[in-house]
Amino acid sequence: MASFPFSHGMVLAAALFAIGLAGVMARRNLIFVLMSIEIMLNAAGLAEAQWDAHLFMPAPCGVTR
């Protein structure tokens, strides 16, 4: 199974966060602001999952760290 590169996940999280931030700053409708905040929270969750997978990834067989 091919792994998802750490940098790609972090770039995606940063892009989602930027889109959400732009939505919060540009919109005045409460529904759109709440949807933008949800996008920002999803980006934070993605970044957290990427860090967790990057820091606690088990070593391949036969490799010691």
Foldseek 3Di string as FASTA:
>chain_A
DDDDDLVVLLVVLVVQLVQLVCQCVPDDDPVSVVVSVVSNVVSVVSNVVSVCCVPPPDDPPPDDD
